[in-house]
Amino acid sequence: NLFYLNVCNNKLTTLPEELKLLKNLHILNLGLNHLESIPTTLGDLKEL
């Protein structure tokens, strides 16, 4: 049921593949982390 997820300003280097399961997610903030790449599966979040 998650609509909004904010994990900005942390120390993330990777993201779990399971994020792709959040089919109702509209707003996602990954800013200010240490991500070198983001999974292509985020493209499954069609409501984003």
ModelCIF file with pLDDT and N, C-alpha, C, O atoms, coordinates in Angstrom:
data_MODEL
#
_entry.id   MODEL 
#
_entity.id                         1 
_entity.type                       polymer 
_entity.pdbx_number_of_molecules   1 
#
_entity_poly.entity_id                      1 
_entity_poly.type                           'polypeptide(L)' 
_entity_poly.nstd_linkage                   no 
_entity_poly.nstd_monomer                   no 
_entity_poly.pdbx_seq_one_letter_code       NLFYLNVCNNKLTTLPEELKLLKNLHILNLGLNHLESIPTTLGDLKEL 
_entity_poly.pdbx_seq_one_letter_code_can   NLFYLNVCNNKLTTLPEELKLLKNLHILNLGLNHLESIPTTLGDLKEL 
_entity_poly.pdbx_strand_id                 A 
#
loop_
_entity_poly_seq.entity_id 
_entity_poly_seq.num 
_entity_poly_seq.mon_id 
_entity_poly_seq.hetero 
1 1  ASN n 
1 2  LEU n 
1 3  PHE n 
1 4  TYR n 
1 5  LEU n 
1 6  ASN n 
1 7  VAL n 
1 8  CYS n 
1 9  ASN n 
1 10 ASN n 
1 11 LYS n 
1 12 LEU n 
1 13 THR n 
1 14 THR n 
1 15 LEU n 
1 16 PRO n 
1 17 GLU n 
1 18 GLU n 
1 19 LEU n 
1 20 LYS n 
1 21 LEU n 
1 22 LEU n 
1 23 LYS n 
1 24 ASN n 
1 25 LEU n 
1 26 HIS n 
1 27 ILE n 
1 28 LEU n 
1 29 ASN n 
1 30 LEU n 
1 31 GLY n 
1 32 LEU n 
1 33 ASN n 
1 34 HIS n 
1 35 LEU n 
1 36 GLU n 
1 37 SER n 
1 38 ILE n 
1 39 PRO n 
1 40 THR n 
1 41 THR n 
1 42 LEU n 
1 43 GLY n 
1 44 ASP n 
1 45 LEU n 
1 46 LYS n 
1 47 GLU n 
1 48 LEU n 
#
_struct_asym.id          A 
_struct_asym.entity_id   1 
#
loop_
_ma_qa_metric.id 
_ma_qa_metric.mode 
_ma_qa_metric.name 
_ma_qa_metric.software_group_id 
_ma_qa_metric.type 
1 global pLDDT . pLDDT 
2 local  pLDDT . pLDDT 
#
_ma_qa_metric_global.metric_id      1 
_ma_qa_metric_global.metric_value   96.92 
_ma_qa_metric_global.model_id       1 
_ma_qa_metric_global.ordinal_id     1 
#
loop_
_ma_qa_metric_local.label_asym_id 
_ma_qa_metric_local.label_comp_id 
_ma_qa_metric_local.label_seq_id 
_ma_qa_metric_local.metric_id 
_ma_qa_metric_local.metric_value 
_ma_qa_metric_local.model_id 
_ma_qa_metric_local.ordinal_id 
A ASN 1  2 97.00 1 1  
A LEU 2  2 98.00 1 2  
A PHE 3  2 98.00 1 3  
A TYR 4  2 98.00 1 4  
A LEU 5  2 98.00 1 5  
A ASN 6  2 98.00 1 6  
A VAL 7  2 98.00 1 7  
A CYS 8  2 98.00 1 8  
A ASN 9  2 98.00 1 9  
A ASN 10 2 98.00 1 10 
A LYS 11 2 97.00 1 11 
A LEU 12 2 98.00 1 12 
A THR 13 2 97.00 1 13 
A THR 14 2 96.00 1 14 
A LEU 15 2 97.00 1 15 
A PRO 16 2 96.00 1 16 
A GLU 17 2 95.00 1 17 
A GLU 18 2 96.00 1 18 
A LEU 19 2 97.00 1 19 
A LYS 20 2 96.00 1 20 
A LEU 21 2 97.00 1 21 
A LEU 22 2 97.00 1 22 
A LYS 23 2 96.00 1 23 
A ASN 24 2 97.00 1 24 
A LEU 25 2 98.00 1 25 
A HIS 26 2 98.00 1 26 
A ILE 27 2 98.00 1 27 
A LEU 28 2 98.00 1 28 
A ASN 29 2 98.00 1 29 
A LEU 30 2 98.00 1 30 
A GLY 31 2 97.00 1 31 
A LEU 32 2 97.00 1 32 
A ASN 33 2 98.00 1 33 
A HIS 34 2 97.00 1 34 
A LEU 35 2 97.00 1 35 
A GLU 36 2 96.00 1 36 
A SER 37 2 94.00 1 37 
A ILE 38 2 94.00 1 38 
A PRO 39 2 95.00 1 39 
A THR 40 2 95.00 1 40 
A THR 41 2 96.00 1 41 
A LEU 42 2 96.00 1 42 
A GLY 43 2 96.00 1 43 
A ASP 44 2 96.00 1 44 
A LEU 45 2 97.00 1 45 
A LYS 46 2 97.00 1 46 
A GLU 47 2 98.00 1 47 
A LEU 48 2 97.00 1 48 
#
loop_
_atom_site.group_PDB 
_atom_site.id 
_atom_site.type_symbol 
_atom_site.label_atom_id 
_atom_site.label_alt_id 
_atom_site.label_comp_id 
_atom_site.label_asym_id 
_atom_site.label_entity_id 
_atom_site.label_seq_id 
_atom_site.pdbx_PDB_ins_code 
_atom_site.Cartn_x 
_atom_site.Cartn_y 
_atom_site.Cartn_z 
_atom_site.occupancy 
_atom_site.B_iso_or_equiv 
_atom_site.pdbx_formal_charge 
_atom_site.auth_seq_id 
_atom_site.auth_comp_id 
_atom_site.auth_asym_id 
_atom_site.auth_atom_id 
_atom_site.pdbx_PDB_model_num 
ATOM 1   N N  . ASN A 1 1  ? 0.810  -1.218 0.000   1.00 97.00 ? 1  ASN A N  1 
ATOM 2   C CA . ASN A 1 1  ? 0.000  0.000  0.000   1.00 97.00 ? 1  ASN A CA 1 
ATOM 3   C C  . ASN A 1 1  ? 0.845  1.271  0.000   1.00 97.00 ? 1  ASN A C  1 
ATOM 4   O O  . ASN A 1 1  ? 0.306  2.378  -0.008  1.00 97.00 ? 1  ASN A O  1 
ATOM 5   N N  . LEU A 1 2  ? 2.179  1.112  0.010   1.00 98.00 ? 2  LEU A N  1 
ATOM 6   C CA . LEU A 1 2  ? 3.055  2.270  0.127   1.00 98.00 ? 2  LEU A CA 1 
ATOM 7   C C  . LEU A 1 2  ? 2.915  3.205  -1.071  1.00 98.00 ? 2  LEU A C  1 
ATOM 8   O O  . LEU A 1 2  ? 3.050  2.794  -2.224  1.00 98.00 ? 2  LEU A O  1 
ATOM 9   N N  . PHE A 1 3  ? 2.642  4.469  -0.769  1.00 98.00 ? 3  PHE A N  1 
ATOM 10  C CA . PHE A 1 3  ? 2.463  5.506  -1.770  1.00 98.00 ? 3  PHE A CA 1 
ATOM 11  C C  . PHE A 1 3  ? 3.694  6.407  -1.822  1.00 98.00 ? 3  PHE A C  1 
ATOM 12  O O  . PHE A 1 3  ? 4.077  6.882  -2.891  1.00 98.00 ? 3  PHE A O  1 
ATOM 13  N N  . TYR A 1 4  ? 4.313  6.641  -0.661  1.00 98.00 ? 4  TYR A N  1 
ATOM 14  C CA . TYR A 1 4  ? 5.427  7.588  -0.508  1.00 98.00 ? 4  TYR A CA 1 
ATOM 15  C C  . TYR A 1 4  ? 6.552  6.939  0.277   1.00 98.00 ? 4  TYR A C  1 
ATOM 16  O O  . TYR A 1 4  ? 6.318  6.415  1.366   1.00 98.00 ? 4  TYR A O  1 
ATOM 17  N N  . LEU A 1 5  ? 7.775  6.964  -0.256  1.00 98.00 ? 5  LEU A N  1 
ATOM 18  C CA . LEU A 1 5  ? 8.943  6.417  0.431   1.00 98.00 ? 5  LEU A CA 1 
ATOM 19  C C  . LEU A 1 5  ? 10.106 7.394  0.302   1.00 98.00 ? 5  LEU A C  1 
ATOM 20  O O  . LEU A 1 5  ? 10.527 7.736  -0.803  1.00 98.00 ? 5  LEU A O  1 
ATOM 21  N N  . ASN A 1 6  ? 10.618 7.837  1.453   1.00 98.00 ? 6  ASN A N  1 
ATOM 22  C CA . ASN A 1 6  ? 11.725 8.786  1.457   1.00 98.00 ? 6  ASN A CA 1 
ATOM 23  C C  . ASN A 1 6  ? 12.895 8.208  2.253   1.00 98.00 ? 6  ASN A C  1 
ATOM 24  O O  . ASN A 1 6  ? 12.805 8.055  3.471   1.00 98.00 ? 6  ASN A O  1 
ATOM 25  N N  . VAL A 1 7  ? 13.990 7.889  1.565   1.00 98.00 ? 7  VAL A N  1 
ATOM 26  C CA . VAL A 1 7  ? 15.204 7.408  2.221   1.00 98.00 ? 7  VAL A CA 1 
ATOM 27  C C  . VAL A 1 7  ? 16.378 8.332  1.892   1.00 98.00 ? 7  VAL A C  1 
ATOM 28  O O  . VAL A 1 7  ? 17.532 7.905  1.887   1.00 98.00 ? 7  VAL A O  1 
ATOM 29  N N  . CYS A 1 8  ? 16.077 9.579  1.622   1.00 98.00 ? 8  CYS A N  1 
ATOM 30  C CA . CYS A 1 8  ? 17.094 10.578 1.298   1.00 98.00 ? 8  CYS A CA 1 
ATOM 31  C C  . CYS A 1 8  ? 18.057 10.790 2.474   1.00 98.00 ? 8  CYS A C  1 
ATOM 32  O O  . CYS A 1 8  ? 17.686 10.616 3.635   1.00 98.00 ? 8  CYS A O  1 
ATOM 33  N N  . ASN A 1 9  ? 19.300 11.169 2.151   1.00 98.00 ? 9  ASN A N  1 
ATOM 34  C CA . ASN A 1 9  ? 20.296 11.551 3.151   1.00 98.00 ? 9  ASN A CA 1 
ATOM 35  C C  . ASN A 1 9  ? 20.619 10.397 4.093   1.00 98.00 ? 9  ASN A C  1 
ATOM 36  O O  . ASN A 1 9  ? 20.541 10.529 5.314   1.00 98.00 ? 9  ASN A O  1 
ATOM 37  N N  . ASN A 1 10 ? 20.988 9.254  3.492   1.00 98.00 ? 10 ASN A N  1 
ATOM 38  C CA . ASN A 1 10 ? 21.460 8.101  4.244   1.00 98.00 ? 10 ASN A CA 1 
ATOM 39  C C  . ASN A 1 10 ? 22.789 7.645  3.644   1.00 98.00 ? 10 ASN A C  1 
ATOM 40  O O  . ASN A 1 10 ? 23.482 8.438  3.008   1.00 98.00 ? 10 ASN A O  1 
ATOM 41  N N  . LYS A 1 11 ? 23.150 6.380  3.839   1.00 97.00 ? 11 LYS A N  1 
ATOM 42  C CA . LYS A 1 11 ? 24.418 5.863  3.333   1.00 97.00 ? 11 LYS A CA 1 
ATOM 43  C C  . LYS A 1 11 ? 24.203 4.648  2.435   1.00 97.00 ? 11 LYS A C  1 
ATOM 44  O O  . LYS A 1 11 ? 25.016 3.724  2.412   1.00 97.00 ? 11 LYS A O  1 
ATOM 45  N N  . LEU A 1 12 ? 23.111 4.665  1.706   1.00 98.00 ? 12 LEU A N  1 
ATOM 46  C CA . LEU A 1 12 ? 22.773 3.528  0.842   1.00 98.00 ? 12 LEU A CA 1 
ATOM 47  C C  . LEU A 1 12 ? 23.747 3.403  -0.320  1.00 98.00 ? 12 LEU A C  1 
ATOM 48  O O  . LEU A 1 12 ? 24.056 4.388  -0.991  1.00 98.00 ? 12 LEU A O  1 
ATOM 49  N N  . THR A 1 13 ? 24.225 2.196  -0.553  1.00 97.00 ? 13 THR A N  1 
ATOM 50  C CA . THR A 1 13 ? 25.082 1.924  -1.710  1.00 97.00 ? 13 THR A CA 1 
ATOM 51  C C  . THR A 1 13 ? 24.379 1.025  -2.718  1.00 97.00 ? 13 THR A C  1 
ATOM 52  O O  . THR A 1 13 ? 24.732 1.003  -3.897  1.00 97.00 ? 13 THR A O  1 
ATOM 53  N N  . THR A 1 14 ? 23.382 0.287  -2.245  1.00 96.00 ? 14 THR A N  1 
ATOM 54  C CA . THR A 1 14 ? 22.595 -0.583 -3.121  1.00 96.00 ? 14 THR A CA 1 
ATOM 55  C C  . THR A 1 14 ? 21.126 -0.506 -2.727  1.00 96.00 ? 14 THR A C  1 
ATOM 56  O O  . THR A 1 14 ? 20.778 -0.010 -1.656  1.00 96.00 ? 14 THR A O  1 
ATOM 57  N N  . LEU A 1 15 ? 20.281 -1.004 -3.610  1.00 97.00 ? 15 LEU A N  1 
ATOM 58  C CA . LEU A 1 15 ? 18.846 -1.056 -3.345  1.00 97.00 ? 15 LEU A CA 1 
ATOM 59  C C  . LEU A 1 15 ? 18.363 -2.495 -3.511  1.00 97.00 ? 15 LEU A C  1 
ATOM 60  O O  . LEU A 1 15 ? 18.835 -3.202 -4.400  1.00 97.00 ? 15 LEU A O  1 
ATOM 61  N N  . PRO A 1 16 ? 17.439 -2.933 -2.677  1.00 96.00 ? 16 PRO A N  1 
ATOM 62  C CA . PRO A 1 16 ? 16.930 -4.295 -2.825  1.00 96.00 ? 16 PRO A CA 1 
ATOM 63  C C  . PRO A 1 16 ? 16.065 -4.428 -4.067  1.00 96.00 ? 16 PRO A C  1 
ATOM 64  O O  . PRO A 1 16 ? 15.294 -3.526 -4.394  1.00 96.00 ? 16 PRO A O  1 
ATOM 65  N N  . GLU A 1 17 ? 16.192 -5.536 -4.748  1.00 95.00 ? 17 GLU A N  1 
ATOM 66  C CA . GLU A 1 17 ? 15.383 -5.785 -5.942  1.00 95.00 ? 17 GLU A CA 1 
ATOM 67  C C  . GLU A 1 17 ? 13.893 -5.748 -5.623  1.00 95.00 ? 17 GLU A C  1 
ATOM 68  O O  . GLU A 1 17 ? 13.060 -5.474 -6.486  1.00 95.00 ? 17 GLU A O  1 
ATOM 69  N N  . GLU A 1 18 ? 13.579 -6.032 -4.356  1.00 96.00 ? 18 GLU A N  1 
ATOM 70  C CA . GLU A 1 18 ? 12.175 -6.100 -3.948  1.00 96.00 ? 18 GLU A CA 1 
ATOM 71  C C  . GLU A 1 18 ? 11.462 -4.760 -4.016  1.00 96.00 ? 18 GLU A C  1 
ATOM 72  O O  . GLU A 1 18 ? 10.238 -4.710 -3.888  1.00 96.00 ? 18 GLU A O  1 
ATOM 73  N N  . LEU A 1 19 ? 12.204 -3.667 -4.216  1.00 97.00 ? 19 LEU A N  1 
ATOM 74  C CA . LEU A 1 19 ? 11.534 -2.373 -4.386  1.00 97.00 ? 19 LEU A CA 1 
ATOM 75  C C  . LEU A 1 19 ? 10.567 -2.396 -5.567  1.00 97.00 ? 19 LEU A C  1 
ATOM 76  O O  . LEU A 1 19 ? 9.579  -1.663 -5.590  1.00 97.00 ? 19 LEU A O  1 
ATOM 77  N N  . LYS A 1 20 ? 10.864 -3.241 -6.540  1.00 96.00 ? 20 LYS A N  1 
ATOM 78  C CA . LYS A 1 20 ? 10.027 -3.322 -7.738  1.00 96.00 ? 20 LYS A CA 1 
ATOM 79  C C  . LYS A 1 20 ? 8.618  -3.809 -7.430  1.00 96.00 ? 20 LYS A C  1 
ATOM 80  O O  . LYS A 1 20 ? 7.720  -3.685 -8.262  1.00 96.00 ? 20 LYS A O  1 
ATOM 81  N N  . LEU A 1 21 ? 8.423  -4.364 -6.236  1.00 97.00 ? 21 LEU A N  1 
ATOM 82  C CA . LEU A 1 21 ? 7.118  -4.904 -5.854  1.00 97.00 ? 21 LEU A CA 1 
ATOM 83  C C  . LEU A 1 21 ? 6.166  -3.840 -5.327  1.00 97.00 ? 21 LEU A C  1 
ATOM 84  O O  . LEU A 1 21 ? 4.987  -4.114 -5.104  1.00 97.00 ? 21 LEU A O  1 
ATOM 85  N N  . LEU A 1 22 ? 6.673  -2.625 -5.128  1.00 97.00 ? 22 LEU A N  1 
ATOM 86  C CA . LEU A 1 22 ? 5.837  -1.550 -4.572  1.00 97.00 ? 22 LEU A CA 1 
ATOM 87  C C  . LEU A 1 22 ? 5.010  -0.917 -5.693  1.00 97.00 ? 22 LEU A C  1 
ATOM 88  O O  . LEU A 1 22 ? 5.266  0.213  -6.109  1.00 97.00 ? 22 LEU A O  1 
ATOM 89  N N  . LYS A 1 23 ? 4.037  -1.648 -6.162  1.00 96.00 ? 23 LYS A N  1 
ATOM 90  C CA . LYS A 1 23 ? 3.277  -1.274 -7.351  1.00 96.00 ? 23 LYS A CA 1 
ATOM 91  C C  . LYS A 1 23 ? 2.439  -0.011 -7.175  1.00 96.00 ? 23 LYS A C  1 
ATOM 92  O O  . LYS A 1 23 ? 2.021  0.592  -8.164  1.00 96.00 ? 23 LYS A O  1 
ATOM 93  N N  . ASN A 1 24 ? 2.185  0.401  -5.923  1.00 97.00 ? 24 ASN A N  1 
ATOM 94  C CA . ASN A 1 24 ? 1.373  1.594  -5.701  1.00 97.00 ? 24 ASN A CA 1 
ATOM 95  C C  . ASN A 1 24 ? 2.220  2.816  -5.384  1.00 97.00 ? 24 ASN A C  1 
ATOM 96  O O  . ASN A 1 24 ? 1.681  3.881  -5.083  1.00 97.00 ? 24 ASN A O  1 
ATOM 97  N N  . LEU A 1 25 ? 3.554  2.674  -5.450  1.00 98.00 ? 25 LEU A N  1 
ATOM 98  C CA . LEU A 1 25 ? 4.443  3.774  -5.085  1.00 98.00 ? 25 LEU A CA 1 
ATOM 99  C C  . LEU A 1 25 ? 4.371  4.912  -6.105  1.00 98.00 ? 25 LEU A C  1 
ATOM 100 O O  . LEU A 1 25 ? 4.541  4.700  -7.305  1.00 98.00 ? 25 LEU A O  1 
ATOM 101 N N  . HIS A 1 26 ? 4.115  6.122  -5.604  1.00 98.00 ? 26 HIS A N  1 
ATOM 102 C CA . HIS A 1 26 ? 4.044  7.311  -6.453  1.00 98.00 ? 26 HIS A CA 1 
ATOM 103 C C  . HIS A 1 26 ? 5.251  8.230  -6.285  1.00 98.00 ? 26 HIS A C  1 
ATOM 104 O O  . HIS A 1 26 ? 5.686  8.861  -7.248  1.00 98.00 ? 26 HIS A O  1 
ATOM 105 N N  . ILE A 1 27 ? 5.797  8.311  -5.063  1.00 98.00 ? 27 ILE A N  1 
ATOM 106 C CA . ILE A 1 27 ? 6.891  9.233  -4.772  1.00 98.00 ? 27 ILE A CA 1 
ATOM 107 C C  . ILE A 1 27 ? 8.032  8.466  -4.110  1.00 98.00 ? 27 ILE A C  1 
ATOM 108 O O  . ILE A 1 27 ? 7.834  7.801  -3.093  1.00 98.00 ? 27 ILE A O  1 
ATOM 109 N N  . LEU A 1 28 ? 9.228  8.565  -4.695  1.00 98.00 ? 28 LEU A N  1 
ATOM 110 C CA . LEU A 1 28 ? 10.404 7.867  -4.186  1.00 98.00 ? 28 LEU A CA 1 
ATOM 111 C C  . LEU A 1 28 ? 11.583 8.825  -4.170  1.00 98.00 ? 28 LEU A C  1 
ATOM 112 O O  . LEU A 1 28 ? 11.953 9.389  -5.199  1.00 98.00 ? 28 LEU A O  1 
ATOM 113 N N  . ASN A 1 29 ? 12.177 9.007  -2.976  1.00 98.00 ? 29 ASN A N  1 
ATOM 114 C CA . ASN A 1 29 ? 13.336 9.892  -2.868  1.00 98.00 ? 29 ASN A CA 1 
ATOM 115 C C  . ASN A 1 29 ? 14.559 9.108  -2.421  1.00 98.00 ? 29 ASN A C  1 
ATOM 116 O O  . ASN A 1 29 ? 14.601 8.573  -1.313  1.00 98.00 ? 29 ASN A O  1 
ATOM 117 N N  . LEU A 1 30 ? 15.565 9.046  -3.310  1.00 98.00 ? 30 LEU A N  1 
ATOM 118 C CA . LEU A 1 30 ? 16.810 8.324  -3.057  1.00 98.00 ? 30 LEU A CA 1 
ATOM 119 C C  . LEU A 1 30 ? 18.002 9.273  -3.022  1.00 98.00 ? 30 LEU A C  1 
ATOM 120 O O  . LEU A 1 30 ? 19.149 8.826  -3.038  1.00 98.00 ? 30 LEU A O  1 
ATOM 121 N N  . GLY A 1 31 ? 17.745 10.560 -2.976  1.00 97.00 ? 31 GLY A N  1 
ATOM 122 C CA . GLY A 1 31 ? 18.813 11.553 -3.032  1.00 97.00 ? 31 GLY A CA 1 
ATOM 123 C C  . GLY A 1 31 ? 19.757 11.504 -1.843  1.00 97.00 ? 31 GLY A C  1 
ATOM 124 O O  . GLY A 1 31 ? 19.429 10.950 -0.794  1.00 97.00 ? 31 GLY A O  1 
ATOM 125 N N  . LEU A 1 32 ? 20.962 12.104 -2.025  1.00 97.00 ? 32 LEU A N  1 
ATOM 126 C CA . LEU A 1 32 ? 21.952 12.209 -0.957  1.00 97.00 ? 32 LEU A CA 1 
ATOM 127 C C  . LEU A 1 32 ? 22.313 10.857 -0.342  1.00 97.00 ? 32 LEU A C  1 
ATOM 128 O O  . LEU A 1 32 ? 22.307 10.689 0.878   1.00 97.00 ? 32 LEU A O  1 
ATOM 129 N N  . ASN A 1 33 ? 22.628 9.896  -1.217  1.00 98.00 ? 33 ASN A N  1 
ATOM 130 C CA . ASN A 1 33 ? 23.122 8.602  -0.781  1.00 98.00 ? 33 ASN A CA 1 
ATOM 131 C C  . ASN A 1 33 ? 24.436 8.319  -1.507  1.00 98.00 ? 33 ASN A C  1 
ATOM 132 O O  . ASN A 1 33 ? 25.074 9.250  -1.997  1.00 98.00 ? 33 ASN A O  1 
ATOM 133 N N  . HIS A 1 34 ? 24.851 7.057  -1.586  1.00 97.00 ? 34 HIS A N  1 
ATOM 134 C CA . HIS A 1 34 ? 26.106 6.686  -2.247  1.00 97.00 ? 34 HIS A CA 1 
ATOM 135 C C  . HIS A 1 34 ? 25.854 5.671  -3.352  1.00 97.00 ? 34 HIS A C  1 
ATOM 136 O O  . HIS A 1 34 ? 26.651 4.757  -3.562  1.00 97.00 ? 34 HIS A O  1 
ATOM 137 N N  . LEU A 1 35 ? 24.752 5.836  -4.046  1.00 97.00 ? 35 LEU A N  1 
ATOM 138 C CA . LEU A 1 35 ? 24.366 4.893  -5.090  1.00 97.00 ? 35 LEU A CA 1 
ATOM 139 C C  . LEU A 1 35 ? 25.187 5.113  -6.360  1.00 97.00 ? 35 LEU A C  1 
ATOM 140 O O  . LEU A 1 35 ? 25.243 6.222  -6.892  1.00 97.00 ? 35 LEU A O  1 
ATOM 141 N N  . GLU A 1 36 ? 25.821 4.044  -6.837  1.00 96.00 ? 36 GLU A N  1 
ATOM 142 C CA . GLU A 1 36 ? 26.560 4.103  -8.099  1.00 96.00 ? 36 GLU A CA 1 
ATOM 143 C C  . GLU A 1 36 ? 25.694 3.654  -9.263  1.00 96.00 ? 36 GLU A C  1 
ATOM 144 O O  . GLU A 1 36 ? 26.004 3.918  -10.424 1.00 96.00 ? 36 GLU A O  1 
ATOM 145 N N  . SER A 1 37 ? 24.614 2.979  -8.939  1.00 94.00 ? 37 SER A N  1 
ATOM 146 C CA . SER A 1 37 ? 23.675 2.533  -9.968  1.00 94.00 ? 37 SER A CA 1 
ATOM 147 C C  . SER A 1 37 ? 22.321 2.301  -9.316  1.00 94.00 ? 37 SER A C  1 
ATOM 148 O O  . SER A 1 37 ? 22.217 2.144  -8.100  1.00 94.00 ? 37 SER A O  1 
ATOM 149 N N  . ILE A 1 38 ? 21.302 2.283  -10.137 1.00 94.00 ? 38 ILE A N  1 
ATOM 150 C CA . ILE A 1 38 ? 19.966 1.929  -9.650  1.00 94.00 ? 38 ILE A CA 1 
ATOM 151 C C  . ILE A 1 38 ? 19.452 0.783  -10.507 1.00 94.00 ? 38 ILE A C  1 
ATOM 152 O O  . ILE A 1 38 ? 19.705 0.754  -11.712 1.00 94.00 ? 38 ILE A O  1 
ATOM 153 N N  . PRO A 1 39 ? 18.739 -0.153 -9.912  1.00 95.00 ? 39 PRO A N  1 
ATOM 154 C CA . PRO A 1 39 ? 18.297 -1.328 -10.672 1.00 95.00 ? 39 PRO A CA 1 
ATOM 155 C C  . PRO A 1 39 ? 17.319 -0.970 -11.775 1.00 95.00 ? 39 PRO A C  1 
ATOM 156 O O  . PRO A 1 39 ? 16.453 -0.113 -11.598 1.00 95.00 ? 39 PRO A O  1 
ATOM 157 N N  . THR A 1 40 ? 17.463 -1.626 -12.906 1.00 95.00 ? 40 THR A N  1 
ATOM 158 C CA . THR A 1 40 ? 16.545 -1.392 -14.026 1.00 95.00 ? 40 THR A CA 1 
ATOM 159 C C  . THR A 1 40 ? 15.113 -1.768 -13.649 1.00 95.00 ? 40 THR A C  1 
ATOM 160 O O  . THR A 1 40 ? 14.155 -1.303 -14.267 1.00 95.00 ? 40 THR A O  1 
ATOM 161 N N  . THR A 1 41 ? 14.978 -2.622 -12.619 1.00 96.00 ? 41 THR A N  1 
ATOM 162 C CA . THR A 1 41 ? 13.647 -3.078 -12.206 1.00 96.00 ? 41 THR A CA 1 
ATOM 163 C C  . THR A 1 41 ? 12.807 -1.975 -11.582 1.00 96.00 ? 41 THR A C  1 
ATOM 164 O O  . THR A 1 41 ? 11.608 -2.157 -11.373 1.00 96.00 ? 41 THR A O  1 
ATOM 165 N N  . LEU A 1 42 ? 13.422 -0.823 -11.279 1.00 96.00 ? 42 LEU A N  1 
ATOM 166 C CA . LEU A 1 42 ? 12.607 0.304  -10.811 1.00 96.00 ? 42 LEU A CA 1 
ATOM 167 C C  . LEU A 1 42 ? 11.640 0.727  -11.916 1.00 96.00 ? 42 LEU A C  1 
ATOM 168 O O  . LEU A 1 42 ? 10.655 1.420  -11.662 1.00 96.00 ? 42 LEU A O  1 
ATOM 169 N N  . GLY A 1 43 ? 11.930 0.311  -13.116 1.00 96.00 ? 43 GLY A N  1 
ATOM 170 C CA . GLY A 1 43 ? 11.030 0.581  -14.232 1.00 96.00 ? 43 GLY A CA 1 
ATOM 171 C C  . GLY A 1 43 ? 9.714  -0.160 -14.114 1.00 96.00 ? 43 GLY A C  1 
ATOM 172 O O  . GLY A 1 43 ? 8.785  0.092  -14.881 1.00 96.00 ? 43 GLY A O  1 
ATOM 173 N N  . ASP A 1 44 ? 9.630  -1.084 -13.145 1.00 96.00 ? 44 ASP A N  1 
ATOM 174 C CA . ASP A 1 44 ? 8.370  -1.798 -12.919 1.00 96.00 ? 44 ASP A CA 1 
ATOM 175 C C  . ASP A 1 44 ? 7.389  -0.970 -12.102 1.00 96.00 ? 44 ASP A C  1 
ATOM 176 O O  . ASP A 1 44 ? 6.220  -1.337 -11.975 1.00 96.00 ? 44 ASP A O  1 
ATOM 177 N N  . LEU A 1 45 ? 7.859  0.151  -11.544 1.00 97.00 ? 45 LEU A N  1 
ATOM 178 C CA . LEU A 1 45 ? 7.001  0.996  -10.708 1.00 97.00 ? 45 LEU A CA 1 
ATOM 179 C C  . LEU A 1 45 ? 6.195  1.941  -11.604 1.00 97.00 ? 45 LEU A C  1 
ATOM 180 O O  . LEU A 1 45 ? 6.488  3.134  -11.689 1.00 97.00 ? 45 LEU A O  1 
ATOM 181 N N  . LYS A 1 46 ? 5.205  1.406  -12.251 1.00 97.00 ? 46 LYS A N  1 
ATOM 182 C CA . LYS A 1 46 ? 4.471  2.130  -13.288 1.00 97.00 ? 46 LYS A CA 1 
ATOM 183 C C  . LYS A 1 46 ? 3.658  3.308  -12.761 1.00 97.00 ? 46 LYS A C  1 
ATOM 184 O O  . LYS A 1 46 ? 3.259  4.176  -13.537 1.00 97.00 ? 46 LYS A O  1 
ATOM 185 N N  . GLU A 1 47 ? 3.404  3.349  -11.436 1.00 98.00 ? 47 GLU A N  1 
ATOM 186 C CA . GLU A 1 47 ? 2.636  4.458  -10.869 1.00 98.00 ? 47 GLU A CA 1 
ATOM 187 C C  . GLU A 1 47 ? 3.535  5.604  -10.413 1.00 98.00 ? 47 GLU A C  1 
ATOM 188 O O  . GLU A 1 47 ? 3.036  6.635  -9.963  1.00 98.00 ? 47 GLU A O  1 
ATOM 189 N N  . LEU A 1 48 ? 4.849  5.439  -10.523 1.00 97.00 ? 48 LEU A N  1 
ATOM 190 C CA . LEU A 1 48 ? 5.785  6.438  -10.014 1.00 97.00 ? 48 LEU A CA 1 
ATOM 191 C C  . LEU A 1 48 ? 5.646  7.760  -10.779 1.00 97.00 ? 48 LEU A C  1 
ATOM 192 O O  . LEU A 1 48 ? 6.358  8.721  -10.486 1.00 97.00 ? 48 LEU A O  1 
#
